[in-house]
Each structure stands twice: as C-alpha cells, then as structure tokens.
Amino acid sequence: MKTKLLILTIISALAFAACGAAATPAPFEAAPAATQAPAAAEEPAVEGGAATNVRLVIKNATLSIVVDDPTATVEAVTRLAEGSGGFVVSTNTFKTTVGPESKTVQQASMTIRVPSEKLNEVLGQIKAMAVEVQNENISGQDVTADYVDLKSRLTNLEAAEKQLQSIMEQATKTEDVLTVYNQLVATREQIEVIRGQMKYYEDAAALSSISLDIAPNVVTQPIEIGGWRPEGTAKQSVETLARILQSIADVIISFTIVCGPFIVVLGVPALFGWRWWMRRREKAKMVEAAEK
C-alpha cells in the first residue's frame, strides 16, 4: 500500500513537471545563431551547464548588398567565414534578368555562421566588399531565463528518476513494476527532451548566423543594346588613338636620334652666318641712310 501511495505521489509530481516542461518555449528557429553578451548586474545565467554571470542571447544578422561581381564575393565571403573560425551553411547562385532589355545578371544568396564575438567584425568586412549596402538587420533574443528554467526542471526530473529507480528495485508485484517502469520511461524521455533544448542553447551560444543577399551592380555591367555594345566601340577608338600617338612619338624619337647630329653640325654654323649677314645688312642700311 505504501509503495502504491509513493508511486502515485511521484506520478503526480512528474505530471506537474511535465506540464511545466511543455510550457517551455521551443527554439524559435531550426538553426539560428547565438552570441554571448555581458550580463546585467545581479542577473545570473548559465552557460555550458554551469552557473555564470553570462547571458545567452540568440542573434541573427541579415544583410543585403550590391557588388560588382557576386560570384567573386561568394568566394571571398566563404574564405572570410572559414578564416574566422566559422563555416558556410548554404550557398545559392542563380541568374536573373533586369532592365527593359531583360539583361541576364548573376545573383547569389548564402548563409554563414561565425563566432559570436566576431559577428560585428565579419559584418564590417562583408560591407567593405559592397558597392552599396541596401539593408542590414541584427536581431536578438535573450534565452537566459528559458535556460535557467530548463535546468531547474531537469534537476527535478533527474531526482524523480532516481526515486522511481529505487521504488522499482523494491517493488515485488508485477503490476507495480510495470507501472513504475512505464513512468520511468516517460520521465527519461522528458529528461532527453530538456537536455536537447539545453544543448541547443549551449551550441547556439557559440556561433552567430549571417544571411546574405548578394545583388550585382548593374551600373558596372557591360552596356548592350540589341547586340551592340558601345563600350566595345569606345575601347577600339581609344586603342586606335593610342596607336596614332605612339606612331607620332616613334617618328619624333627616330628623327631626333638620326638627324640630331647633322642639325648640330650644320645648323650652328648656319645660325652664326645668318646672324652675321643680318648685322651687316643693318649696318649697310644705316650708312645709306646717313649719306642721304
């Protein structure tokens, strides 16, 4: 009789604990990221199963950027994530059409996870790659209270599990053994669920998620109208002008090198002779004018 009464008491307590566990908020995303932010004064939290003064804050960042080359940006962000100790969750590159001419351009989207303490640093480096940042959003959710609540319920369920094991060892009737066994199985299932939720928070506390939308900078893309690409014509014209100027420069250089010595040898005497003749002519004019 005492055994049955104790069993009923433990079952009632476990039912109460189960109701509380059911009220515990489930993780709000399948794979969010998290970071650890400094705790407010006198607000203890837990981390990795031990009491600390560190809060657990789930953080997600979304970023929409415009770049010159989406494919190259995806490669650069991949190297950045891996170099910072994180990894790429997913990558998607695709083509789309823009403008009245339905021009085909490359776009990309990706999700990465990086150490939470490097979230702002990584975001800054990604924005430095962009021609324009169209949208940026960082959201967070403090899960410290949920984690503490889970830990408290886990402690109660583990204590109840030990009591059920003790009762099961002392039970002699088959009916009592089956009742205790069924309740023990249910208790262990609740324990595993709560441990899974706690593990989720602990793992999420280490990394932050960044979702990227990468669009091309259409202004920098080659202009093409009905198959005609004016930048190609402009390039050819510039090249032609450069060749003409190069040819003129070559002629001037060759003339200077080849004819320079002859100009010096013949030109200097000719210059002095011309100046002597001009002076003599002026002197003759002055004499003629004096005689008149």
Foldseek 3Di string as FASTA:
>chain_A
DVLVVVLVVLLVVVVVLVVVLVPQDFPPDPDFAWAKDAADPPDWFDAPLDIDRIWIKTKAKEWEFAAAAQVVLVVVLQCVQVVQPWHWPDKDKDWFFDDPVRDIDIWMKTKIKHFRVCVVVSVVVSRVRGPDTPDMDMDMDTCRVSLVSLSVSLVVLVVSLVVLVVSLVVDDDPVSNVSSVVVNVVSVVSNVVSVVRNVSSNVSHGIHMYIYIYHYDVVPDFDADPNDTVVVVVVVVVVVVVVVVVVVVVVVVVCCVPCVVVCVVPVVVVVVVVVVVVVVVVVVVVVVVVVD
